[in-house]
PDB file of N, CA and C in Angstrom:
ATOM      1  N   UNK A   1     -90.792 -76.269 -47.945  1.00  0.00           N
ATOM      2  CA  UNK A   1     -91.799 -76.646 -48.945  1.00  0.00           C
ATOM      3  C   UNK A   1     -90.816 -77.292 -50.047  1.00  0.00           C
ATOM      4  N   UNK A   2     -89.637 -76.785 -50.626  1.00  0.00           N
ATOM      5  CA  UNK A   2     -88.684 -77.792 -51.247  1.00  0.00           C
ATOM      6  C   UNK A   2     -88.540 -78.899 -51.090  1.00  0.00           C
ATOM      7  N   UNK A   3     -88.813 -79.558 -49.569  1.00  0.00           N
ATOM      8  CA  UNK A   3     -88.425 -81.106 -49.100  1.00  0.00           C
ATOM      9  C   UNK A   3     -89.596 -81.944 -49.507  1.00  0.00           C
ATOM     10  N   UNK A   4     -90.837 -81.137 -49.344  1.00  0.00           N
ATOM     11  CA  UNK A   4     -91.922 -81.771 -49.561  1.00  0.00           C
ATOM     12  C   UNK A   4     -91.895 -81.817 -51.562  1.00  0.00           C
ATOM     13  N   UNK A   5     -91.949 -80.848 -52.139  1.00  0.00           N
ATOM     14  CA  UNK A   5     -91.867 -81.163 -53.226  1.00  0.00           C
ATOM     15  C   UNK A   5     -90.708 -81.667 -54.083  1.00  0.00           C
ATOM     16  N   UNK A   6     -89.605 -82.149 -53.384  1.00  0.00           N
ATOM     17  CA  UNK A   6     -89.066 -83.633 -53.459  1.00  0.00           C
ATOM     18  C   UNK A   6     -89.421 -84.805 -53.187  1.00  0.00           C
ATOM     19  N   UNK A   7     -89.888 -84.783 -51.950  1.00  0.00           N
ATOM     20  CA  UNK A   7     -90.823 -86.226 -51.779  1.00  0.00           C
ATOM     21  C   UNK A   7     -91.796 -86.649 -52.607  1.00  0.00           C
ATOM     22  N   UNK A   8     -92.660 -85.488 -52.990  1.00  0.00           N
ATOM     23  CA  UNK A   8     -93.915 -85.798 -53.594  1.00  0.00           C
ATOM     24  C   UNK A   8     -93.474 -85.970 -55.803  1.00  0.00           C
ATOM     25  N   UNK A   9     -91.966 -85.520 -55.732  1.00  0.00           N
ATOM     26  CA  UNK A   9     -91.560 -85.658 -57.664  1.00  0.00           C
ATOM     27  C   UNK A   9     -91.174 -87.314 -57.304  1.00  0.00           C
ATOM     28  N   UNK A  10     -90.264 -87.258 -56.419  1.00  0.00           N
ATOM     29  CA  UNK A  10     -89.795 -89.173 -56.145  1.00  0.00           C
ATOM     30  C   UNK A  10     -90.579 -90.283 -56.114  1.00  0.00           C
ATOM     31  N   UNK A  11     -91.703 -89.648 -55.480  1.00  0.00           N
ATOM     32  CA  UNK A  11     -92.472 -90.934 -55.021  1.00  0.00           C
ATOM     33  C   UNK A  11     -94.004 -90.823 -55.925  1.00  0.00           C
ATOM     34  N   UNK A  12     -93.974 -89.745 -57.142  1.00  0.00           N
ATOM     35  CA  UNK A  12     -95.263 -89.479 -57.607  1.00  0.00           C
ATOM     36  C   UNK A  12     -96.255 -90.590 -58.441  1.00  0.00           C
ATOM     37  N   UNK A  13     -95.339 -91.186 -59.342  1.00  0.00           N
ATOM     38  CA  UNK A  13     -96.005 -92.521 -59.499  1.00  0.00           C
ATOM     39  C   UNK A  13     -96.728 -93.776 -58.629  1.00  0.00           C
ATOM     40  N   UNK A  14     -96.013 -93.421 -57.071  1.00  0.00           N
ATOM     41  CA  UNK A  14     -96.756 -94.831 -56.671  1.00  0.00           C
ATOM     42  C   UNK A  14     -97.401 -94.185 -55.340  1.00  0.00           C
ATOM     43  N   UNK A  15     -98.174 -92.701 -56.025  1.00  0.00           N
ATOM     44  CA  UNK A  15     -98.961 -92.039 -54.711  1.00  0.00           C
ATOM     45  C   UNK A  15    -100.321 -92.141 -55.128  1.00  0.00           C
ATOM     46  N   UNK A  16    -101.165 -92.924 -54.202  1.00  0.00           N
ATOM     47  CA  UNK A  16    -102.652 -93.105 -54.548  1.00  0.00           C
ATOM     48  C   UNK A  16    -103.491 -91.763 -54.124  1.00  0.00           C
ATOM     49  N   UNK A  17    -102.911 -90.971 -52.964  1.00  0.00           N
ATOM     50  CA  UNK A  17    -103.860 -89.798 -52.274  1.00  0.00           C
ATOM     51  C   UNK A  17    -102.591 -89.308 -51.202  1.00  0.00           C
ATOM     52  N   UNK A  18    -102.574 -87.689 -51.211  1.00  0.00           N
ATOM     53  CA  UNK A  18    -102.415 -87.154 -50.498  1.00  0.00           C
ATOM     54  C   UNK A  18    -103.028 -86.174 -49.264  1.00  0.00           C
ATOM     55  N   UNK A  19    -102.994 -86.023 -48.170  1.00  0.00           N
ATOM     56  CA  UNK A  19    -103.677 -85.241 -47.250  1.00  0.00           C
ATOM     57  C   UNK A  19    -102.780 -84.867 -46.530  1.00  0.00           C
ATOM     58  N   UNK A  20    -103.163 -83.880 -46.269  1.00  0.00           N
ATOM     59  CA  UNK A  20    -102.514 -82.500 -45.189  1.00  0.00           C
ATOM     60  C   UNK A  20    -103.760 -82.599 -44.376  1.00  0.00           C
ATOM     61  N   UNK A  21    -103.731 -83.131 -43.199  1.00  0.00           N
ATOM     62  CA  UNK A  21    -104.785 -83.033 -42.402  1.00  0.00           C
ATOM     63  C   UNK A  21    -104.889 -81.902 -41.481  1.00  0.00           C
ATOM     64  N   UNK A  22    -105.965 -81.378 -41.287  1.00  0.00           N
ATOM     65  CA  UNK A  22    -106.527 -79.974 -40.792  1.00  0.00           C
ATOM     66  C   UNK A  22    -106.397 -79.850 -39.409  1.00  0.00           C
ATOM     67  N   UNK A  23    -106.628 -81.141 -38.800  1.00  0.00           N
ATOM     68  CA  UNK A  23    -106.655 -80.896 -37.358  1.00  0.00           C
ATOM     69  C   UNK A  23    -104.906 -81.065 -36.240  1.00  0.00           C
ATOM     70  N   UNK A  24    -104.304 -81.170 -37.345  1.00  0.00           N
ATOM     71  CA  UNK A  24    -102.724 -81.531 -36.816  1.00  0.00           C
ATOM     72  C   UNK A  24    -102.127 -80.948 -37.889  1.00  0.00           C
ATOM     73  N   UNK A  25    -100.840 -81.256 -37.390  1.00  0.00           N
ATOM     74  CA  UNK A  25     -99.537 -81.005 -38.737  1.00  0.00           C
ATOM     75  C   UNK A  25     -98.944 -81.896 -39.319  1.00  0.00           C
ATOM     76  N   UNK A  26     -99.990 -82.754 -39.807  1.00  0.00           N
ATOM     77  CA  UNK A  26     -99.615 -84.040 -40.708  1.00  0.00           C
ATOM     78  C   UNK A  26     -99.369 -84.305 -42.079  1.00  0.00           C
ATOM     79  N   UNK A  27     -98.818 -84.275 -42.435  1.00  0.00           N
ATOM     80  CA  UNK A  27     -98.591 -85.032 -43.839  1.00  0.00           C
ATOM     81  C   UNK A  27     -98.947 -86.240 -44.583  1.00  0.00           C
ATOM     82  N   UNK A  28     -99.874 -87.113 -45.153  1.00  0.00           N
ATOM     83  CA  UNK A  28    -100.463 -88.450 -44.713  1.00  0.00           C
ATOM     84  C   UNK A  28    -100.322 -88.761 -46.511  1.00  0.00           C
ATOM     85  N   UNK A  29     -98.966 -89.522 -47.071  1.00  0.00           N
ATOM     86  CA  UNK A  29     -99.514 -90.235 -48.343  1.00  0.00           C
ATOM     87  C   UNK A  29     -99.600 -91.432 -47.952  1.00  0.00           C
ATOM     88  N   UNK A  30    -100.616 -91.825 -48.813  1.00  0.00           N
ATOM     89  CA  UNK A  30    -101.318 -93.278 -49.219  1.00  0.00           C
ATOM     90  C   UNK A  30    -100.289 -93.630 -50.545  1.00  0.00           C
ATOM     91  N   UNK A  31     -99.756 -95.126 -50.709  1.00  0.00           N
ATOM     92  CA  UNK A  31     -99.231 -95.342 -51.471  1.00  0.00           C
ATOM     93  C   UNK A  31     -99.959 -96.089 -52.318  1.00  0.00           C
ATOM     94  N   UNK A  32     -99.939 -96.766 -53.760  1.00  0.00           N
ATOM     95  CA  UNK A  32    -100.484 -97.181 -54.348  1.00  0.00           C
ATOM     96  C   UNK A  32    -100.708 -98.875 -53.777  1.00  0.00           C
ATOM     97  N   UNK A  33     -99.453 -99.029 -53.350  1.00  0.00           N
ATOM     98  CA  UNK A  33     -99.256-100.505 -52.998  1.00  0.00           C
ATOM     99  C   UNK A  33    -100.116-100.955 -51.655  1.00  0.00           C
ATOM    100  N   UNK A  34    -100.529-100.019 -50.699  1.00  0.00           N
ATOM    101  CA  UNK A  34    -101.326-100.004 -49.507  1.00  0.00           C
ATOM    102  C   UNK A  34    -100.340 -99.230 -48.342  1.00  0.00           C
ATOM    103  N   UNK A  35     -99.382 -99.407 -48.544  1.00  0.00           N
ATOM    104  CA  UNK A  35     -98.489 -98.348 -47.211  1.00  0.00           C
ATOM    105  C   UNK A  35     -99.303 -97.111 -46.766  1.00  0.00           C
ATOM    106  N   UNK A  36     -98.949 -96.483 -45.762  1.00  0.00           N
ATOM    107  CA  UNK A  36     -99.091 -95.000 -45.752  1.00  0.00           C
ATOM    108  C   UNK A  36     -97.756 -94.328 -44.728  1.00  0.00           C
ATOM    109  N   UNK A  37     -97.118 -93.477 -45.121  1.00  0.00           N
ATOM    110  CA  UNK A  37     -96.716 -92.468 -45.048  1.00  0.00           C
ATOM    111  C   UNK A  37     -97.037 -91.571 -44.179  1.00  0.00           C
ATOM    112  N   UNK A  38     -96.734 -91.315 -42.763  1.00  0.00           N
ATOM    113  CA  UNK A  38     -97.121 -89.685 -41.829  1.00  0.00           C
ATOM    114  C   UNK A  38     -95.585 -89.412 -42.004  1.00  0.00           C
ATOM    115  N   UNK A  39     -95.844 -87.890 -42.392  1.00  0.00           N
ATOM    116  CA  UNK A  39     -95.033 -87.187 -41.787  1.00  0.00           C
ATOM    117  C   UNK A  39     -95.478 -85.957 -41.043  1.00  0.00           C
ATOM    118  N   UNK A  40     -94.620 -85.872 -39.390  1.00  0.00           N
ATOM    119  CA  UNK A  40     -95.314 -84.895 -38.493  1.00  0.00           C
ATOM    120  C   UNK A  40     -93.794 -83.445 -38.155  1.00  0.00           C
ATOM    121  N   UNK A  41     -94.185 -82.684 -37.790  1.00  0.00           N
ATOM    122  CA  UNK A  41     -93.508 -81.632 -37.382  1.00  0.00           C
ATOM    123  C   UNK A  41     -93.715 -80.728 -36.327  1.00  0.00           C
ATOM    124  N   UNK A  42     -93.357 -80.463 -35.314  1.00  0.00           N
ATOM    125  CA  UNK A  42     -94.025 -79.029 -34.494  1.00  0.00           C
ATOM    126  C   UNK A  42     -93.042 -78.280 -34.252  1.00  0.00           C
ATOM    127  N   UNK A  43     -93.888 -77.531 -33.288  1.00  0.00           N
ATOM    128  CA  UNK A  43     -93.253 -76.312 -33.300  1.00  0.00           C
ATOM    129  C   UNK A  43     -92.030 -76.551 -31.873  1.00  0.00           C
ATOM    130  N   UNK A  44     -92.311 -77.507 -31.432  1.00  0.00           N
ATOM    131  CA  UNK A  44     -91.362 -77.951 -30.041  1.00  0.00           C
ATOM    132  C   UNK A  44     -89.989 -78.638 -30.671  1.00  0.00           C
ATOM    133  N   UNK A  45     -89.793 -78.414 -32.050  1.00  0.00           N
ATOM    134  CA  UNK A  45     -88.443 -79.479 -32.310  1.00  0.00           C
ATOM    135  C   UNK A  45     -88.671 -80.845 -32.748  1.00  0.00           C
ATOM    136  N   UNK A  46     -89.979 -81.308 -32.104  1.00  0.00           N
ATOM    137  CA  UNK A  46     -89.979 -82.619 -32.559  1.00  0.00           C
ATOM    138  C   UNK A  46     -90.478 -82.855 -34.510  1.00  0.00           C
ATOM    139  N   UNK A  47     -90.190 -84.363 -34.600  1.00  0.00           N
ATOM    140  CA  UNK A  47     -90.623 -84.419 -36.055  1.00  0.00           C
ATOM    141  C   UNK A  47     -90.704 -86.520 -35.674  1.00  0.00           C
ATOM    142  N   UNK A  48     -91.290 -86.638 -36.681  1.00  0.00           N
ATOM    143  CA  UNK A  48     -92.019 -87.877 -37.137  1.00  0.00           C
ATOM    144  C   UNK A  48     -91.865 -88.123 -37.985  1.00  0.00           C
ATOM    145  N   UNK A  49     -91.617 -89.781 -38.787  1.00  0.00           N
ATOM    146  CA  UNK A  49     -91.537 -89.921 -40.249  1.00  0.00           C
ATOM    147  C   UNK A  49     -92.039 -91.740 -39.819  1.00  0.00           C
ATOM    148  N   UNK A  50     -93.399 -91.716 -40.217  1.00  0.00           N
ATOM    149  CA  UNK A  50     -93.748 -93.087 -39.950  1.00  0.00           C
ATOM    150  C   UNK A  50     -94.646 -93.490 -41.290  1.00  0.00           C
ATOM    151  N   UNK A  51     -93.712 -95.049 -41.240  1.00  0.00           N
ATOM    152  CA  UNK A  51     -94.477 -96.013 -42.432  1.00  0.00           C
ATOM    153  C   UNK A  51     -95.344 -96.843 -41.789  1.00  0.00           C
ATOM    154  N   UNK A  52     -96.587 -97.097 -42.259  1.00  0.00           N
ATOM    155  CA  UNK A  52     -97.326 -97.911 -41.663  1.00  0.00           C
ATOM    156  C   UNK A  52     -97.470 -98.897 -42.636  1.00  0.00           C
ATOM    157  N   UNK A  53     -97.114-100.234 -42.920  1.00  0.00           N
ATOM    158  CA  UNK A  53     -96.886-101.224 -43.795  1.00  0.00           C
ATOM    159  C   UNK A  53     -98.411-101.900 -44.319  1.00  0.00           C
ATOM    160  N   UNK A  54     -99.168-102.190 -42.991  1.00  0.00           N
ATOM    161  CA  UNK A  54    -100.216-102.551 -42.473  1.00  0.00           C
ATOM    162  C   UNK A  54    -101.064-102.252 -41.765  1.00  0.00           C
ATOM    163  N   UNK A  55    -102.311-102.590 -41.310  1.00  0.00           N
ATOM    164  CA  UNK A  55    -103.182-102.112 -39.792  1.00  0.00           C
ATOM    165  C   UNK A  55    -102.674-103.221 -38.893  1.00  0.00           C
ATOM    166  N   UNK A  56    -101.662-104.023 -39.403  1.00  0.00           N
ATOM    167  CA  UNK A  56    -101.324-105.441 -38.098  1.00  0.00           C
ATOM    168  C   UNK A  56    -100.593-104.357 -36.923  1.00  0.00           C
ATOM    169  N   UNK A  57    -100.543-104.934 -35.753  1.00  0.00           N
ATOM    170  CA  UNK A  57     -99.918-104.718 -34.951  1.00  0.00           C
ATOM    171  C   UNK A  57     -98.441-104.085 -35.155  1.00  0.00           C
ATOM    172  N   UNK A  58     -97.553-102.986 -34.588  1.00  0.00           N
ATOM    173  CA  UNK A  58     -96.457-103.094 -34.727  1.00  0.00           C
ATOM    174  C   UNK A  58     -95.780-103.170 -36.128  1.00  0.00           C
ATOM    175  N   UNK A  59     -96.679-103.104 -37.440  1.00  0.00           N
ATOM    176  CA  UNK A  59     -96.182-103.640 -38.825  1.00  0.00           C
ATOM    177  C   UNK A  59     -96.039-101.847 -38.927  1.00  0.00           C
ATOM    178  N   UNK A  60     -95.059-101.287 -38.746  1.00  0.00           N
ATOM    179  CA  UNK A  60     -94.502 -99.794 -39.273  1.00  0.00           C
ATOM    180  C   UNK A  60     -92.796 -99.818 -39.201  1.00  0.00           C
ATOM    181  N   UNK A  61     -92.752 -98.548 -39.430  1.00  0.00           N
ATOM    182  CA  UNK A  61     -91.186 -98.161 -38.981  1.00  0.00           C
ATOM    183  C   UNK A  61     -90.961 -96.540 -38.569  1.00  0.00           C
ATOM    184  N   UNK A  62     -90.554 -96.099 -37.531  1.00  0.00           N
ATOM    185  CA  UNK A  62     -90.646 -94.352 -37.750  1.00  0.00           C
ATOM    186  C   UNK A  62     -89.316 -94.182 -37.017  1.00  0.00           C
ATOM    187  N   UNK A  63     -88.982 -92.779 -37.592  1.00  0.00           N
ATOM    188  CA  UNK A  63     -87.772 -92.377 -37.116  1.00  0.00           C
ATOM    189  C   UNK A  63     -88.477 -91.148 -36.165  1.00  0.00           C
ATOM    190  N   UNK A  64     -88.132 -91.131 -34.928  1.00  0.00           N
ATOM    191  CA  UNK A  64     -88.756 -89.642 -34.351  1.00  0.00           C
ATOM    192  C   UNK A  64     -87.325 -89.427 -33.582  1.00  0.00           C
ATOM    193  N   UNK A  65     -87.992 -88.117 -32.694  1.00  0.00           N
ATOM    194  CA  UNK A  65     -86.827 -87.793 -31.842  1.00  0.00           C
ATOM    195  C   UNK A  65     -88.380 -87.588 -30.317  1.00  0.00           C
ATOM    196  N   UNK A  66     -89.542 -87.556 -30.332  1.00  0.00           N
ATOM    197  CA  UNK A  66     -90.363 -87.604 -29.437  1.00  0.00           C
ATOM    198  C   UNK A  66     -90.229 -87.740 -28.347  1.00  0.00           C
ATOM    199  N   UNK A  67     -89.428 -89.065 -28.024  1.00  0.00           N
ATOM    200  CA  UNK A  67     -89.084 -89.694 -26.556  1.00  0.00           C
ATOM    201  C   UNK A  67     -87.779 -89.693 -26.423  1.00  0.00           C
ATOM    202  N   UNK A  68     -87.688 -89.490 -25.717  1.00  0.00           N
ATOM    203  CA  UNK A  68     -85.406 -89.265 -25.434  1.00  0.00           C
ATOM    204  C   UNK A  68     -85.079 -90.336 -24.124  1.00  0.00           C
ATOM    205  N   UNK A  69     -85.654 -91.487 -24.578  1.00  0.00           N
ATOM    206  CA  UNK A  69     -85.416 -92.297 -23.661  1.00  0.00           C
ATOM    207  C   UNK A  69     -84.376 -93.581 -24.244  1.00  0.00           C
ATOM    208  N   UNK A  70     -84.364 -93.640 -25.108  1.00  0.00           N
ATOM    209  CA  UNK A  70     -83.530 -94.669 -26.195  1.00  0.00           C
ATOM    210  C   UNK A  70     -81.960 -95.203 -26.013  1.00  0.00           C
ATOM    211  N   UNK A  71     -81.626 -95.398 -25.294  1.00  0.00           N
ATOM    212  CA  UNK A  71     -80.212 -95.457 -25.419  1.00  0.00           C
ATOM    213  C   UNK A  71     -79.094 -95.610 -26.509  1.00  0.00           C
ATOM    214  N   UNK A  72     -78.753 -94.954 -27.548  1.00  0.00           N
ATOM    215  CA  UNK A  72     -79.032 -94.782 -28.618  1.00  0.00           C
ATOM    216  C   UNK A  72     -77.831 -93.793 -28.659  1.00  0.00           C
ATOM    217  N   UNK A  73     -76.518 -94.054 -29.788  1.00  0.00           N
ATOM    218  CA  UNK A  73     -75.334 -92.890 -30.351  1.00  0.00           C
ATOM    219  C   UNK A  73     -76.227 -91.430 -30.358  1.00  0.00           C
ATOM    220  N   UNK A  74     -77.683 -91.685 -31.298  1.00  0.00           N
ATOM    221  CA  UNK A  74     -77.952 -90.234 -31.873  1.00  0.00           C
ATOM    222  C   UNK A  74     -79.122 -90.162 -31.185  1.00  0.00           C
ATOM    223  N   UNK A  75     -79.013 -90.617 -30.174  1.00  0.00           N
ATOM    224  CA  UNK A  75     -80.107 -89.466 -28.685  1.00  0.00           C
ATOM    225  C   UNK A  75     -80.472 -88.201 -28.590  1.00  0.00           C
ATOM    226  N   UNK A  76     -81.813 -87.630 -29.038  1.00  0.00           N
ATOM    227  CA  UNK A  76     -82.945 -88.112 -28.769  1.00  0.00           C
ATOM    228  C   UNK A  76     -83.849 -88.893 -30.443  1.00  0.00           C
ATOM    229  N   UNK A  77     -82.670 -89.000 -31.348  1.00  0.00           N
ATOM    230  CA  UNK A  77     -82.511 -89.368 -32.688  1.00  0.00           C
ATOM    231  C   UNK A  77     -82.488 -90.692 -32.785  1.00  0.00           C
ATOM    232  N   UNK A  78     -84.031 -91.634 -33.735  1.00  0.00           N
ATOM    233  CA  UNK A  78     -83.921 -93.091 -32.931  1.00  0.00           C
ATOM    234  C   UNK A  78     -84.428 -93.581 -33.937  1.00  0.00           C
ATOM    235  N   UNK A  79     -85.042 -94.474 -34.571  1.00  0.00           N
ATOM    236  CA  UNK A  79     -85.274 -95.642 -35.383  1.00  0.00           C
ATOM    237  C   UNK A  79     -86.284 -96.614 -34.814  1.00  0.00           C
ATOM    238  N   UNK A  80     -87.776 -97.286 -34.730  1.00  0.00           N
ATOM    239  CA  UNK A  80     -88.233 -98.109 -34.233  1.00  0.00           C
ATOM    240  C   UNK A  80     -88.305 -98.870 -35.828  1.00  0.00           C
ATOM    241  N   UNK A  81     -87.790 -99.956 -35.754  1.00  0.00           N
ATOM    242  CA  UNK A  81     -87.536-100.875 -36.620  1.00  0.00           C
ATOM    243  C   UNK A  81     -89.223-101.966 -36.508  1.00  0.00           C
ATOM    244  N   UNK A  82     -89.589-102.187 -37.809  1.00  0.00           N
ATOM    245  CA  UNK A  82     -90.996-102.927 -38.082  1.00  0.00           C
ATOM    246  C   UNK A  82     -91.043-104.304 -36.959  1.00  0.00           C
ATOM    247  N   UNK A  83     -92.289-104.160 -36.274  1.00  0.00           N
ATOM    248  CA  UNK A  83     -92.661-105.592 -35.831  1.00  0.00           C
ATOM    249  C   UNK A  83     -91.850-105.308 -34.490  1.00  0.00           C
ATOM    250  N   UNK A  84     -91.970-103.769 -33.550  1.00  0.00           N
ATOM    251  CA  UNK A  84     -91.331-103.734 -32.274  1.00  0.00           C
ATOM    252  C   UNK A  84     -89.880-104.390 -31.679  1.00  0.00           C
ATOM    253  N   UNK A  85     -89.279-104.268 -32.955  1.00  0.00           N
ATOM    254  CA  UNK A  85     -87.467-104.533 -32.777  1.00  0.00           C
ATOM    255  C   UNK A  85     -87.332-103.851 -32.200  1.00  0.00           C
ATOM    256  N   UNK A  86     -85.812-103.799 -31.494  1.00  0.00           N
ATOM    257  CA  UNK A  86     -85.450-102.983 -30.580  1.00  0.00           C
ATOM    258  C   UNK A  86     -84.874-101.622 -31.258  1.00  0.00           C
ATOM    259  N   UNK A  87     -85.192-100.178 -30.728  1.00  0.00           N
ATOM    260  CA  UNK A  87     -85.055 -99.552 -31.194  1.00  0.00           C
ATOM    261  C   UNK A  87     -83.486 -98.932 -31.776  1.00  0.00           C
ATOM    262  N   UNK A  88     -83.070 -98.553 -32.550  1.00  0.00           N
ATOM    263  CA  UNK A  88     -81.616 -97.982 -32.760  1.00  0.00           C
ATOM    264  C   UNK A  88     -81.505 -96.549 -33.800  1.00  0.00           C
ATOM    265  N   UNK A  89     -79.806 -96.392 -33.704  1.00  0.00           N
ATOM    266  CA  UNK A  89     -79.362 -95.078 -33.829  1.00  0.00           C
ATOM    267  C   UNK A  89     -80.297 -94.908 -35.579  1.00  0.00           C
ATOM    268  N   UNK A  90     -80.247 -92.789 -35.454  1.00  0.00           N
ATOM    269  CA  UNK A  90     -81.045 -93.208 -36.682  1.00  0.00           C
ATOM    270  C   UNK A  90     -80.164 -92.088 -37.665  1.00  0.00           C
ATOM    271  N   UNK A  91     -80.292 -91.758 -38.783  1.00  0.00           N
ATOM    272  CA  UNK A  91     -79.835 -90.633 -39.628  1.00  0.00           C
ATOM    273  C   UNK A  91     -80.472 -89.420 -39.397  1.00  0.00           C
ATOM    274  N   UNK A  92     -81.184 -89.350 -39.341  1.00  0.00           N
ATOM    275  CA  UNK A  92     -82.285 -88.025 -39.472  1.00  0.00           C
ATOM    276  C   UNK A  92     -82.371 -87.552 -38.070  1.00  0.00           C
ATOM    277  N   UNK A  93     -82.657 -86.228 -38.911  1.00  0.00           N
ATOM    278  CA  UNK A  93     -81.954 -85.113 -36.953  1.00  0.00           C
ATOM    279  C   UNK A  93     -83.284 -84.054 -37.605  1.00  0.00           C
ATOM    280  N   UNK A  94     -84.353 -84.269 -37.800  1.00  0.00           N
ATOM    281  CA  UNK A  94     -85.673 -83.488 -37.978  1.00  0.00           C
ATOM    282  C   UNK A  94     -85.172 -82.580 -38.811  1.00  0.00           C
ATOM    283  N   UNK A  95     -84.505 -82.493 -39.954  1.00  0.00           N
ATOM    284  CA  UNK A  95     -84.358 -81.011 -40.670  1.00  0.00           C
ATOM    285  C   UNK A  95     -84.545 -81.795 -42.112  1.00  0.00           C
ATOM    286  N   UNK A  96     -86.096 -80.929 -43.034  1.00  0.00           N
ATOM    287  CA  UNK A  96     -86.058 -81.854 -43.476  1.00  0.00           C
ATOM    288  C   UNK A  96     -85.492 -81.818 -44.959  1.00  0.00           C
ATOM    289  N   UNK A  97     -84.777 -80.540 -45.322  1.00  0.00           N
ATOM    290  CA  UNK A  97     -83.996 -80.994 -47.007  1.00  0.00           C
ATOM    291  C   UNK A  97     -82.981 -82.467 -46.356  1.00  0.00           C
ATOM    292  N   UNK A  98     -82.642 -82.280 -45.218  1.00  0.00           N
ATOM    293  CA  UNK A  98     -81.749 -83.333 -45.165  1.00  0.00           C
ATOM    294  C   UNK A  98     -82.475 -85.061 -44.460  1.00  0.00           C
ATOM    295  N   UNK A  99     -83.490 -84.680 -44.358  1.00  0.00           N
ATOM    296  CA  UNK A  99     -84.286 -86.069 -43.732  1.00  0.00           C
ATOM    297  C   UNK A  99     -84.815 -86.593 -45.064  1.00  0.00           C
ATOM    298  N   UNK A 100     -85.837 -85.824 -46.175  1.00  0.00           N
ATOM    299  CA  UNK A 100     -86.031 -86.282 -47.257  1.00  0.00           C
ATOM    300  C   UNK A 100     -86.069 -87.103 -48.175  1.00  0.00           C
ATOM    301  N   UNK A 101     -84.611 -86.842 -48.570  1.00  0.00           N
ATOM    302  CA  UNK A 101     -83.569 -87.709 -49.344  1.00  0.00           C
ATOM    303  C   UNK A 101     -83.251 -88.870 -48.907  1.00  0.00           C
ATOM    304  N   UNK A 102     -82.774 -89.232 -47.119  1.00  0.00           N
ATOM    305  CA  UNK A 102     -83.043 -90.309 -46.927  1.00  0.00           C
ATOM    306  C   UNK A 102     -84.190 -90.824 -46.777  1.00  0.00           C
ATOM    307  N   UNK A 103     -85.207 -90.625 -46.237  1.00  0.00           N
ATOM    308  CA  UNK A 103     -86.316 -91.497 -46.191  1.00  0.00           C
ATOM    309  C   UNK A 103     -87.041 -91.713 -47.599  1.00  0.00           C
ATOM    310  N   UNK A 104     -86.547 -90.877 -48.958  1.00  0.00           N
ATOM    311  CA  UNK A 104     -86.702 -91.664 -50.033  1.00  0.00           C
ATOM    312  C   UNK A 104     -86.234 -93.082 -50.147  1.00  0.00           C
ATOM    313  N   UNK A 105     -84.732 -92.845 -49.917  1.00  0.00           N
ATOM    314  CA  UNK A 105     -83.889 -94.131 -50.176  1.00  0.00           C
ATOM    315  C   UNK A 105     -84.787 -95.112 -49.195  1.00  0.00           C
ATOM    316  N   UNK A 106     -85.174 -94.871 -47.937  1.00  0.00           N
ATOM    317  CA  UNK A 106     -85.787 -95.783 -46.979  1.00  0.00           C
ATOM    318  C   UNK A 106     -87.019 -96.490 -47.878  1.00  0.00           C
ATOM    319  N   UNK A 107     -87.927 -95.394 -48.455  1.00  0.00           N
ATOM    320  CA  UNK A 107     -88.872 -96.137 -49.313  1.00  0.00           C
ATOM    321  C   UNK A 107     -88.542 -96.717 -50.238  1.00  0.00           C
ATOM    322  N   UNK A 108     -87.626 -96.522 -50.849  1.00  0.00           N
ATOM    323  CA  UNK A 108     -86.873 -97.403 -52.086  1.00  0.00           C
ATOM    324  C   UNK A 108     -86.666 -99.083 -51.507  1.00  0.00           C
ATOM    325  N   UNK A 109     -85.958 -98.718 -50.441  1.00  0.00           N
ATOM    326  CA  UNK A 109     -85.314 -99.880 -49.759  1.00  0.00           C
ATOM    327  C   UNK A 109     -86.720-100.863 -49.520  1.00  0.00           C
ATOM    328  N   UNK A 110     -87.545-100.098 -49.050  1.00  0.00           N
ATOM    329  CA  UNK A 110     -88.763-101.078 -48.204  1.00  0.00           C
ATOM    330  C   UNK A 110     -89.473-101.513 -49.631  1.00  0.00           C
ATOM    331  N   UNK A 111     -89.092-101.384 -50.533  1.00  0.00           N
ATOM    332  CA  UNK A 111     -90.107-101.536 -52.076  1.00  0.00           C
ATOM    333  C   UNK A 111     -90.995-100.356 -52.533  1.00  0.00           C
ATOM    334  N   UNK A 112     -91.699 -99.746 -51.875  1.00  0.00           N
ATOM    335  CA  UNK A 112     -92.558 -98.802 -51.587  1.00  0.00           C
ATOM    336  C   UNK A 112     -92.615 -98.257 -53.113  1.00  0.00           C
ATOM    337  N   UNK A 113     -91.304 -97.707 -53.138  1.00  0.00           N
ATOM    338  CA  UNK A 113     -91.140 -97.291 -54.780  1.00  0.00           C
ATOM    339  C   UNK A 113     -91.045 -97.540 -55.763  1.00  0.00           C
ATOM    340  N   UNK A 114     -90.885 -99.100 -55.556  1.00  0.00           N
ATOM    341  CA  UNK A 114     -90.796 -99.727 -57.124  1.00  0.00           C
ATOM    342  C   UNK A 114     -92.136-100.128 -57.681  1.00  0.00           C
TER     343      UNK A 114
END
């Protein structure tokens, strides 16, 4: 709950819509500039933070630990760069209190919060 409040507080001026999807554990944030952030956690310790920049194929970035196949130092935690570039290590660990401030930094870096 605190992580969600931190995220919404940091992003509020740039948010168009916030939706908590009823059929699955996903928080969806639509930004005024168009990108859409999906935050997902499940009961099995899995998480994903995905930012869709546009409907174009592979025009997204994602931090997650859903697939344990990537040969990175932080395995199973990894980052999918935009446009299908090679997967790299991730600072995210699935702990919202630690991850959400890092996510806000990335949103700023991607010019979503400007």
